[in-house]
C-alpha atoms as a PDB file:
ATOM      1  CA  MET A   1       3.812 -23.332 -10.376  1.00  0.00           C
ATOM      2  CA  ALA A   2       2.232 -20.733 -12.647  1.00  0.00           C
ATOM      3  CA  LYS A   3       3.140 -17.148 -11.885  1.00  0.00           C
ATOM      4  CA  PRO A   4       0.240 -15.227 -10.296  1.00  0.00           C
ATOM      5  CA  GLU A   5      -1.229 -12.851 -12.856  1.00  0.00           C
ATOM      6  CA  THR A   6      -0.990  -9.282 -11.569  1.00  0.00           C
ATOM      7  CA  LEU A   7      -2.896  -6.297 -12.943  1.00  0.00           C
ATOM      8  CA  ILE A   8      -1.525  -2.833 -12.196  1.00  0.00           C
ATOM      9  CA  ILE A   9      -3.901   0.038 -12.907  1.00  0.00           C
ATOM     10  CA  ALA A  10      -2.635   2.992 -14.958  1.00  0.00           C
ATOM     11  CA  GLY A  11      -4.481   6.233 -15.526  1.00  0.00           C
ATOM     12  CA  PHE A  12      -4.423  10.005 -15.609  1.00  0.00           C
ATOM     13  CA  GLY A  13      -2.038  11.268 -12.942  1.00  0.00           C
ATOM     14  CA  LEU A  14      -0.828   7.887 -11.731  1.00  0.00           C
ATOM     15  CA  ASN A  15       2.957   7.660 -12.015  1.00  0.00           C
ATOM     16  CA  CYS A  16       4.231   4.592 -10.180  1.00  0.00           C
ATOM     17  CA  GLU A  17       2.827   1.797 -12.342  1.00  0.00           C
ATOM     18  CA  GLU A  18       6.144   0.978 -14.047  1.00  0.00           C
ATOM     19  CA  GLU A  19       8.078   0.641 -10.775  1.00  0.00           C
ATOM     20  CA  THR A  20       5.258  -1.364  -9.203  1.00  0.00           C
ATOM     21  CA  ALA A  21       5.093  -3.722 -12.183  1.00  0.00           C
ATOM     22  CA  PHE A  22       8.864  -4.184 -12.013  1.00  0.00           C
ATOM     23  CA  ALA A  23       8.634  -4.994  -8.306  1.00  0.00           C
ATOM     24  CA  PHE A  24       6.048  -7.725  -8.920  1.00  0.00           C
ATOM     25  CA  LYS A  25       8.092  -9.089 -11.813  1.00  0.00           C
ATOM     26  CA  THR A  26      11.189  -9.204  -9.594  1.00  0.00           C
ATOM     27  CA  ALA A  27       9.171 -11.084  -6.964  1.00  0.00           C
ATOM     28  CA  GLY A  28       8.136 -13.694  -9.538  1.00  0.00           C
ATOM     29  CA  ALA A  29       4.704 -12.539 -10.670  1.00  0.00           C
ATOM     30  CA  SER A  30       3.423 -12.150 -14.211  1.00  0.00           C
ATOM     31  CA  GLU A  31       2.590  -8.463 -14.442  1.00  0.00           C
ATOM     32  CA  LYS A  32       0.453  -6.357 -16.784  1.00  0.00           C
ATOM     33  CA  ILE A  33      -0.218  -2.604 -16.758  1.00  0.00           C
ATOM     34  CA  ILE A  34      -3.713  -1.720 -17.980  1.00  0.00           C
ATOM     35  CA  HIS A  35      -5.200   1.750 -18.339  1.00  0.00           C
ATOM     36  CA  ILE A  36      -8.399   2.351 -16.409  1.00  0.00           C
ATOM     37  CA  ASN A  37     -10.252   3.216 -19.645  1.00  0.00           C
ATOM     38  CA  ASP A  38      -9.287  -0.122 -21.216  1.00  0.00           C
ATOM     39  CA  LEU A  39     -10.430  -1.958 -18.100  1.00  0.00           C
ATOM     40  CA  ILE A  40     -13.795  -0.213 -18.189  1.00  0.00           C
ATOM     41  CA  GLU A  41     -14.236  -1.147 -21.864  1.00  0.00           C
ATOM     42  CA  ASN A  42     -13.274  -4.779 -21.198  1.00  0.00           C
ATOM     43  CA  LYS A  43     -14.657  -5.476 -17.740  1.00  0.00           C
ATOM     44  CA  ASN A  44     -14.110  -9.226 -17.895  1.00  0.00           C
ATOM     45  CA  ILE A  45     -10.335  -8.651 -17.913  1.00  0.00           C
ATOM     46  CA  LEU A  46     -10.379  -8.814 -14.113  1.00  0.00           C
ATOM     47  CA  ASP A  47     -11.423 -12.475 -14.293  1.00  0.00           C
ATOM     48  CA  GLN A  48      -7.944 -13.340 -15.582  1.00  0.00           C
ATOM     49  CA  TYR A  49      -6.033 -11.930 -12.611  1.00  0.00           C
ATOM     50  CA  LYS A  50      -5.146 -12.957  -9.074  1.00  0.00           C
ATOM     51  CA  ILE A  51      -3.650  -9.676  -7.843  1.00  0.00           C
ATOM     52  CA  LEU A  52      -5.050  -6.185  -8.419  1.00  0.00           C
ATOM     53  CA  VAL A  53      -2.874  -3.168  -7.652  1.00  0.00           C
ATOM     54  CA  PHE A  54      -3.644   0.542  -7.390  1.00  0.00           C
ATOM     55  CA  PRO A  55      -0.253   2.292  -7.564  1.00  0.00           C
ATOM     56  CA  GLY A  56       0.898   5.675  -6.332  1.00  0.00           C
ATOM     57  CA  GLY A  57       0.616   9.025  -8.026  1.00  0.00           C
ATOM     58  CA  PHE A  58      -1.952  11.805  -8.211  1.00  0.00           C
ATOM     59  CA  SER A  59      -4.945  10.289  -9.977  1.00  0.00           C
ATOM     60  CA  TYR A  60      -6.896  12.948 -11.896  1.00  0.00           C
ATOM     61  CA  GLY A  61      -4.638  15.533 -10.257  1.00  0.00           C
ATOM     62  CA  ASP A  62      -6.286  14.870  -6.881  1.00  0.00           C
ATOM     63  CA  ASP A  63      -8.398  17.891  -7.798  1.00  0.00           C
ATOM     64  CA  THR A  64     -11.394  16.689  -5.783  1.00  0.00           C
ATOM     65  CA  GLY A  65      -9.277  15.155  -3.024  1.00  0.00           C
ATOM     66  CA  SER A  66      -6.735  12.355  -3.127  1.00  0.00           C
ATOM     67  CA  GLY A  67      -8.083   9.234  -4.800  1.00  0.00           C
ATOM     68  CA  LYS A  68     -11.690  10.437  -4.877  1.00  0.00           C
ATOM     69  CA  ALA A  69     -12.125  10.932  -8.624  1.00  0.00           C
ATOM     70  CA  LEU A  70     -10.606   7.556  -9.483  1.00  0.00           C
ATOM     71  CA  ALA A  71     -12.672   5.886  -6.761  1.00  0.00           C
ATOM     72  CA  ASN A  72     -15.841   7.427  -8.203  1.00  0.00           C
ATOM     73  CA  ARG A  73     -14.910   6.272 -11.703  1.00  0.00           C
ATOM     74  CA  LEU A  74     -14.326   2.740 -10.447  1.00  0.00           C
ATOM     75  CA  ASN A  75     -17.497   2.729  -8.381  1.00  0.00           C
ATOM     76  CA  ASN A  76     -19.620   3.972 -11.301  1.00  0.00           C
ATOM     77  CA  ASN A  77     -18.165   1.587 -13.872  1.00  0.00           C
ATOM     78  CA  LEU A  78     -16.585  -1.441 -12.203  1.00  0.00           C
ATOM     79  CA  ASN A  79     -18.231  -1.873  -8.816  1.00  0.00           C
ATOM     80  CA  ASP A  80     -19.758  -5.281  -9.589  1.00  0.00           C
ATOM     81  CA  GLU A  81     -16.572  -6.575 -11.208  1.00  0.00           C
ATOM     82  CA  ILE A  82     -14.428  -5.504  -8.244  1.00  0.00           C
ATOM     83  CA  ARG A  83     -16.832  -7.128  -5.794  1.00  0.00           C
ATOM     84  CA  LYS A  84     -16.680 -10.355  -7.813  1.00  0.00           C
ATOM     85  CA  PHE A  85     -12.890 -10.117  -7.796  1.00  0.00           C
ATOM     86  CA  ILE A  86     -12.886  -9.823  -3.992  1.00  0.00           C
ATOM     87  CA  GLU A  87     -15.151 -12.864  -3.626  1.00  0.00           C
ATOM     88  CA  ARG A  88     -12.505 -15.016  -5.294  1.00  0.00           C
ATOM     89  CA  ASP A  89      -9.236 -15.997  -3.601  1.00  0.00           C
ATOM     90  CA  THR A  90      -7.440 -12.845  -4.728  1.00  0.00           C
ATOM     91  CA  LEU A  91      -5.287 -10.022  -3.363  1.00  0.00           C
ATOM     92  CA  ILE A  92      -5.625  -6.237  -3.663  1.00  0.00           C
ATOM     93  CA  LEU A  93      -2.867  -3.767  -2.826  1.00  0.00           C
ATOM     94  CA  GLY A  94      -3.151   0.010  -2.771  1.00  0.00           C
ATOM     95  CA  ILE A  95       0.025   2.084  -2.440  1.00  0.00           C
ATOM     96  CA  CYS A  96      -0.159   5.766  -1.411  1.00  0.00           C
ATOM     97  CA  ASN A  97      -2.737   7.173  -3.858  1.00  0.00           C
ATOM     98  CA  GLY A  98      -3.930   3.590  -4.238  1.00  0.00           C
ATOM     99  CA  PHE A  99      -4.548   3.449  -0.487  1.00  0.00           C
ATOM    100  CA  GLN A 100      -6.611   6.625  -0.797  1.00  0.00           C
ATOM    101  CA  VAL A 101      -8.607   5.026  -3.616  1.00  0.00           C
ATOM    102  CA  LEU A 102      -9.337   1.883  -1.568  1.00  0.00           C
ATOM    103  CA  VAL A 103     -10.500   3.960   1.389  1.00  0.00           C
ATOM    104  CA  ASN A 104     -12.788   6.063  -0.799  1.00  0.00           C
ATOM    105  CA  LEU A 105     -14.215   2.919  -2.404  1.00  0.00           C
ATOM    106  CA  GLY A 106     -15.018   1.522   1.029  1.00  0.00           C
ATOM    107  CA  LEU A 107     -12.798  -1.518   0.407  1.00  0.00           C
ATOM    108  CA  LEU A 108     -10.783  -0.632   3.494  1.00  0.00           C
ATOM    109  CA  PRO A 109     -11.291  -1.386   6.273  1.00  0.00           C
ATOM    110  CA  LEU A 110     -14.306  -3.239   4.730  1.00  0.00           C
ATOM    111  CA  LEU A 111     -16.114  -3.584   8.038  1.00  0.00           C
ATOM    112  CA  ASP A 112     -19.537  -3.175   6.424  1.00  0.00           C
ATOM    113  CA  VAL A 113     -19.788  -4.091   2.759  1.00  0.00           C
ATOM    114  CA  ASP A 114     -22.579  -1.647   1.891  1.00  0.00           C
ATOM    115  CA  ILE A 115     -21.044   1.396   3.602  1.00  0.00           C
ATOM    116  CA  LYS A 116     -18.654   3.639   1.680  1.00  0.00           C
ATOM    117  CA  ALA A 117     -15.672   5.563   3.055  1.00  0.00           C
ATOM    118  CA  GLN A 118     -15.478   4.413   6.659  1.00  0.00           C
ATOM    119  CA  SER A 119     -12.144   6.195   7.096  1.00  0.00           C
ATOM    120  CA  ALA A 120     -10.121   8.891   5.359  1.00  0.00           C
ATOM    121  CA  LEU A 121      -6.626  10.031   4.479  1.00  0.00           C
ATOM    122  CA  GLU A 122      -6.501  13.750   5.127  1.00  0.00           C
ATOM    123  CA  TYR A 123      -3.983  16.548   4.591  1.00  0.00           C
ATOM    124  CA  ASN A 124      -0.708  15.994   6.412  1.00  0.00           C
ATOM    125  CA  GLY A 125      -0.505  17.625   9.825  1.00  0.00           C
ATOM    126  CA  THR A 126       2.245  19.870   8.484  1.00  0.00           C
ATOM    127  CA  PHE A 127       0.034  20.880   5.534  1.00  0.00           C
ATOM    128  CA  ARG A 128       3.082  20.233   3.385  1.00  0.00           C
ATOM    129  CA  TYR A 129       4.054  17.460   1.022  1.00  0.00           C
ATOM    130  CA  GLN A 130       6.333  15.008   2.862  1.00  0.00           C
ATOM    131  CA  CYS A 131       8.985  13.051   0.967  1.00  0.00           C
ATOM    132  CA  ARG A 132      11.372  11.231   3.302  1.00  0.00           C
ATOM    133  CA  TRP A 133      12.512   7.840   4.583  1.00  0.00           C
ATOM    134  CA  ILE A 134      10.739   6.563   7.670  1.00  0.00           C
ATOM    135  CA  ASP A 135      10.570   3.418   9.815  1.00  0.00           C
ATOM    136  CA  VAL A 136       7.450   1.351  10.367  1.00  0.00           C
ATOM    137  CA  MET A 137       6.772  -1.520  12.728  1.00  0.00           C
ATOM    138  CA  ILE A 138       4.645  -4.411  11.518  1.00  0.00           C
ATOM    139  CA  GLU A 139       1.765  -5.503  13.725  1.00  0.00           C
ATOM    140  CA  LYS A 140       2.218  -9.255  14.201  1.00  0.00           C
ATOM    141  CA  ASP A 141      -1.446  -9.886  14.991  1.00  0.00           C
ATOM    142  CA  SER A 142      -2.602  -8.379  11.713  1.00  0.00           C
ATOM    143  CA  PRO A 143      -4.120 -10.878   9.252  1.00  0.00           C
ATOM    144  CA  ALA A 144      -2.491  -9.073   6.287  1.00  0.00           C
ATOM    145  CA  ILE A 145      -1.005 -11.421   3.702  1.00  0.00           C
ATOM    146  CA  PHE A 146       1.423  -8.786   2.444  1.00  0.00           C
ATOM    147  CA  THR A 147       3.289  -8.339   5.744  1.00  0.00           C
ATOM    148  CA  LYS A 148       3.670 -11.946   6.916  1.00  0.00           C
ATOM    149  CA  GLY A 149       7.028 -12.578   8.560  1.00  0.00           C
ATOM    150  CA  ILE A 150       8.104  -8.917   8.508  1.00  0.00           C
ATOM    151  CA  GLU A 151       8.966  -7.139  11.763  1.00  0.00           C
ATOM    152  CA  ARG A 152       9.931  -3.645  10.620  1.00  0.00           C
ATOM    153  CA  MET A 153      10.712  -1.724   7.444  1.00  0.00           C
ATOM    154  CA  HIS A 154      12.852   1.259   6.470  1.00  0.00           C
ATOM    155  CA  ILE A 155      10.943   2.681   3.555  1.00  0.00           C
ATOM    156  CA  PRO A 156      10.130   5.988   1.817  1.00  0.00           C
ATOM    157  CA  VAL A 157       6.947   8.057   1.916  1.00  0.00           C
ATOM    158  CA  ALA A 158       5.903  10.749  -0.545  1.00  0.00           C
ATOM    159  CA  HIS A 159       2.464  12.261  -0.060  1.00  0.00           C
ATOM    160  CA  GLY A 160       0.502  15.369   0.801  1.00  0.00           C
ATOM    161  CA  GLU A 161      -2.615  13.643   2.162  1.00  0.00           C
ATOM    162  CA  GLY A 162      -1.572  10.696   4.294  1.00  0.00           C
ATOM    163  CA  LYS A 163      -3.034  11.484   7.693  1.00  0.00           C
ATOM    164  CA  PHE A 164      -5.210   8.497   8.557  1.00  0.00           C
ATOM    165  CA  TYR A 165      -8.455   9.337  10.303  1.00  0.00           C
ATOM    166  CA  ALA A 166     -11.541   7.427  11.385  1.00  0.00           C
ATOM    167  CA  GLU A 167     -14.320   8.146  13.844  1.00  0.00           C
ATOM    168  CA  ASP A 168     -13.870   6.548  17.248  1.00  0.00           C
ATOM    169  CA  SER A 169     -16.414   3.801  16.588  1.00  0.00           C
ATOM    170  CA  ILE A 170     -14.634   2.749  13.372  1.00  0.00           C
ATOM    171  CA  LEU A 171     -11.153   3.213  14.839  1.00  0.00           C
ATOM    172  CA  ASN A 172     -12.033   1.013  17.813  1.00  0.00           C
ATOM    173  CA  ARG A 173     -13.208  -1.735  15.461  1.00  0.00           C
ATOM    174  CA  ILE A 174     -10.063  -1.428  13.345  1.00  0.00           C
ATOM    175  CA  GLU A 175      -7.915  -1.794  16.451  1.00  0.00           C
ATOM    176  CA  SER A 176      -9.948  -4.577  18.044  1.00  0.00           C
ATOM    177  CA  LEU A 177      -9.809  -6.633  14.830  1.00  0.00           C
ATOM    178  CA  SER A 178      -6.042  -5.991  14.477  1.00  0.00           C
ATOM    179  CA  LEU A 179      -6.501  -4.419  11.047  1.00  0.00           C
ATOM    180  CA  VAL A 180      -3.595  -2.011  11.501  1.00  0.00           C
ATOM    181  CA  THR A 181      -0.693  -3.569   9.614  1.00  0.00           C
ATOM    182  CA  MET A 182       2.003  -0.867   9.954  1.00  0.00           C
ATOM    183  CA  ARG A 183       2.668   1.944  12.412  1.00  0.00           C
ATOM    184  CA  TYR A 184       5.197   4.747  12.161  1.00  0.00           C
ATOM    185  CA  MET A 185       7.984   4.262  14.657  1.00  0.00           C
ATOM    186  CA  LYS A 186      10.912   5.996  16.345  1.00  0.00           C
ATOM    187  CA  ALA A 187      13.887   4.132  17.809  1.00  0.00           C
ATOM    188  CA  GLY A 188      12.060   0.802  17.933  1.00  0.00           C
ATOM    189  CA  VAL A 189       8.791   2.020  19.455  1.00  0.00           C
ATOM    190  CA  ARG A 190       5.709   3.823  18.189  1.00  0.00           C
ATOM    191  CA  ALA A 191       6.306   7.383  17.027  1.00  0.00           C
ATOM    192  CA  GLU A 192       3.469   8.689  19.232  1.00  0.00           C
ATOM    193  CA  LEU A 193       2.598  11.307  16.585  1.00  0.00           C
ATOM    194  CA  GLU A 194       6.079  12.862  16.755  1.00  0.00           C
ATOM    195  CA  PHE A 195       7.159  14.506  13.505  1.00  0.00           C
ATOM    196  CA  PRO A 196       9.038  13.581  11.319  1.00  0.00           C
ATOM    197  CA  TYR A 197       8.909   9.953  12.518  1.00  0.00           C
ATOM    198  CA  ASN A 198       5.167  10.086  11.959  1.00  0.00           C
ATOM    199  CA  PRO A 199       5.339  12.222   8.820  1.00  0.00           C
ATOM    200  CA  ASN A 200       1.665  13.134   8.519  1.00  0.00           C
ATOM    201  CA  GLY A 201       0.039  13.040  11.955  1.00  0.00           C
ATOM    202  CA  SER A 202      -1.895   9.808  11.373  1.00  0.00           C
ATOM    203  CA  ILE A 203      -4.044   8.845  14.320  1.00  0.00           C
ATOM    204  CA  ASN A 204      -2.514   5.975  16.330  1.00  0.00           C
ATOM    205  CA  ASP A 205       0.565   6.249  14.066  1.00  0.00           C
ATOM    206  CA  ILE A 206      -1.285   4.226  11.415  1.00  0.00           C
ATOM    207  CA  ALA A 207       0.656   3.803   8.163  1.00  0.00           C
ATOM    208  CA  SER A 208      -1.302   0.863   6.731  1.00  0.00           C
ATOM    209  CA  ILE A 209      -4.496  -1.127   7.301  1.00  0.00           C
ATOM    210  CA  CYS A 210      -5.999  -4.290   5.853  1.00  0.00           C
ATOM    211  CA  SER A 211      -9.368  -5.972   5.462  1.00  0.00           C
ATOM    212  CA  PRO A 212     -10.522  -8.527   8.066  1.00  0.00           C
ATOM    213  CA  ASN A 213      -9.518 -11.425   5.795  1.00  0.00           C
ATOM    214  CA  GLY A 214      -6.061  -9.900   5.227  1.00  0.00           C
ATOM    215  CA  ARG A 215      -6.326 -10.043   1.443  1.00  0.00           C
ATOM    216  CA  ILE A 216      -6.813  -6.302   0.845  1.00  0.00           C
ATOM    217  CA  MET A 217      -4.185  -3.863   2.110  1.00  0.00           C
ATOM    218  CA  GLY A 218      -3.500  -0.172   1.696  1.00  0.00           C
ATOM    219  CA  MET A 219      -0.254   1.490   2.728  1.00  0.00           C
ATOM    220  CA  MET A 220       1.061   5.057   2.525  1.00  0.00           C
ATOM    221  CA  PRO A 221       4.789   4.124   2.236  1.00  0.00           C
ATOM    222  CA  HIS A 222       6.162   3.180  -1.179  1.00  0.00           C
ATOM    223  CA  PRO A 223       7.663  -0.350  -1.149  1.00  0.00           C
ATOM    224  CA  GLU A 224       8.433  -0.165  -4.880  1.00  0.00           C
ATOM    225  CA  ARG A 225      10.782   2.745  -4.151  1.00  0.00           C
ATOM    226  CA  GLY A 226      12.639   0.881  -1.433  1.00  0.00           C
ATOM    227  CA  MET A 227      13.252  -2.585  -2.828  1.00  0.00           C
ATOM    228  CA  PHE A 228      16.982  -2.276  -3.572  1.00  0.00           C
ATOM    229  CA  PHE A 229      19.761  -1.778  -1.040  1.00  0.00           C
ATOM    230  CA  THR A 230      21.236   1.157  -2.970  1.00  0.00           C
ATOM    231  CA  GLN A 231      17.890   2.975  -2.932  1.00  0.00           C
ATOM    232  CA  ARG A 232      18.101   3.423   0.833  1.00  0.00           C
ATOM    233  CA  ASP A 233      19.010   6.837   2.158  1.00  0.00           C
ATOM    234  CA  ASP A 234      21.482   5.237   4.569  1.00  0.00           C
ATOM    235  CA  TRP A 235      23.097   2.778   2.175  1.00  0.00           C
ATOM    236  CA  PRO A 236      26.560   4.458   2.103  1.00  0.00           C
ATOM    237  CA  LEU A 237      26.818   4.083   5.884  1.00  0.00           C
ATOM    238  CA  LEU A 238      25.507   0.526   5.802  1.00  0.00           C
ATOM    239  CA  LYS A 239      27.927  -0.300   2.996  1.00  0.00           C
ATOM    240  CA  GLU A 240      30.892   0.676   5.189  1.00  0.00           C
ATOM    241  CA  ILE A 241      29.519  -1.383   8.089  1.00  0.00           C
ATOM    242  CA  TYR A 242      29.097  -4.447   5.883  1.00  0.00           C
ATOM    243  CA  LEU A 243      32.567  -4.064   4.356  1.00  0.00           C
ATOM    244  CA  ARG A 244      34.290  -3.650   7.717  1.00  0.00           C
ATOM    245  CA  ASP A 245      32.463  -6.722   9.018  1.00  0.00           C
ATOM    246  CA  GLY A 246      33.524  -8.668   5.938  1.00  0.00           C
ATOM    247  CA  SER A 247      29.884  -9.208   4.999  1.00  0.00           C
ATOM    248  CA  GLU A 248      28.514  -9.375   1.495  1.00  0.00           C
ATOM    249  CA  LEU A 249      26.491  -6.353   0.401  1.00  0.00           C
ATOM    250  CA  PRO A 250      22.804  -7.168   0.007  1.00  0.00           C
ATOM    251  CA  VAL A 251      21.076  -6.586  -3.306  1.00  0.00           C
ATOM    252  CA  TYR A 252      17.539  -6.062  -2.070  1.00  0.00           C
ATOM    253  CA  SER A 253      15.957  -4.104   0.750  1.00  0.00           C
ATOM    254  CA  ASP A 254      12.785  -4.118   2.818  1.00  0.00           C
ATOM    255  CA  GLY A 255      10.232  -3.089   0.206  1.00  0.00           C
ATOM    256  CA  LEU A 256      10.590  -6.227  -1.891  1.00  0.00           C
ATOM    257  CA  LYS A 257       9.215  -8.340   0.962  1.00  0.00           C
ATOM    258  CA  ILE A 258       5.721  -6.938   0.366  1.00  0.00           C
ATOM    259  CA  PHE A 259       5.728  -8.220  -3.217  1.00  0.00           C
ATOM    260  CA  ASN A 260       7.375 -11.528  -2.296  1.00  0.00           C
ATOM    261  CA  ASN A 261       4.587 -12.224   0.192  1.00  0.00           C
ATOM    262  CA  ALA A 262       1.929 -11.562  -2.437  1.00  0.00           C
ATOM    263  CA  VAL A 263       3.544 -14.023  -4.852  1.00  0.00           C
ATOM    264  CA  ASP A 264       4.205 -16.613  -2.128  1.00  0.00           C
ATOM    265  CA  TYR A 265       0.513 -16.578  -1.165  1.00  0.00           C
ATOM    266  CA  PHE A 266      -0.328 -18.395  -4.396  1.00  0.00           C
ATOM    267  CA  LYS A 267       2.323 -21.095  -4.116  1.00  0.00           C
END
């Protein structure tokens, strides 16, 4: 089987493209990092790829709001090409700033194709940048390709604007269509907005949503920063537990599953 061709966007202020490319490579994809300017100059490049990824960072310094400037640049220069990409059997993943970009483009939750920005990612409830490890539960009824077979994840977040918000009419549709893919959790149940388990105050503890067909997903947590066992904040404790049980130490951790699912989709 040919490796699915994966395009990871790079650009001014983005800073997670290398880790994200490495994660897809580890999962078995063929990865390529392309600067947004090069993509705009060669718009047909998208035709060669199966997976499109918007990585984390602070695109254009987030000077006009997180993800807004990059979303405007994409909308003004690549709107038709992105729509054509979506019409094919492809996947799109947005991580942190990438999630903000997808929301501002109107690609999530994609309830009405011609309507932009049906939801938002606002300043954290603490009004402070939050960088910590959290737990999320995976919604089993979600159609998301990226989270198939996953029940929960221990994974890091790092953002200043991650508070998911949507008007009641949109939120009700998101919930009724099971488009929430991840929720922040505490001790096995929903965090119920309790900080720091819900690190940003997201409505309904939403950490991730997807499109109705499950092929587009945005998530605030960083799976590329939590794909190895020794990246975990609790790995020294877990190491002692494994050793005392006589168990072999794992190499990988929860984050890699997101990338594995994307690659497996094309098998």
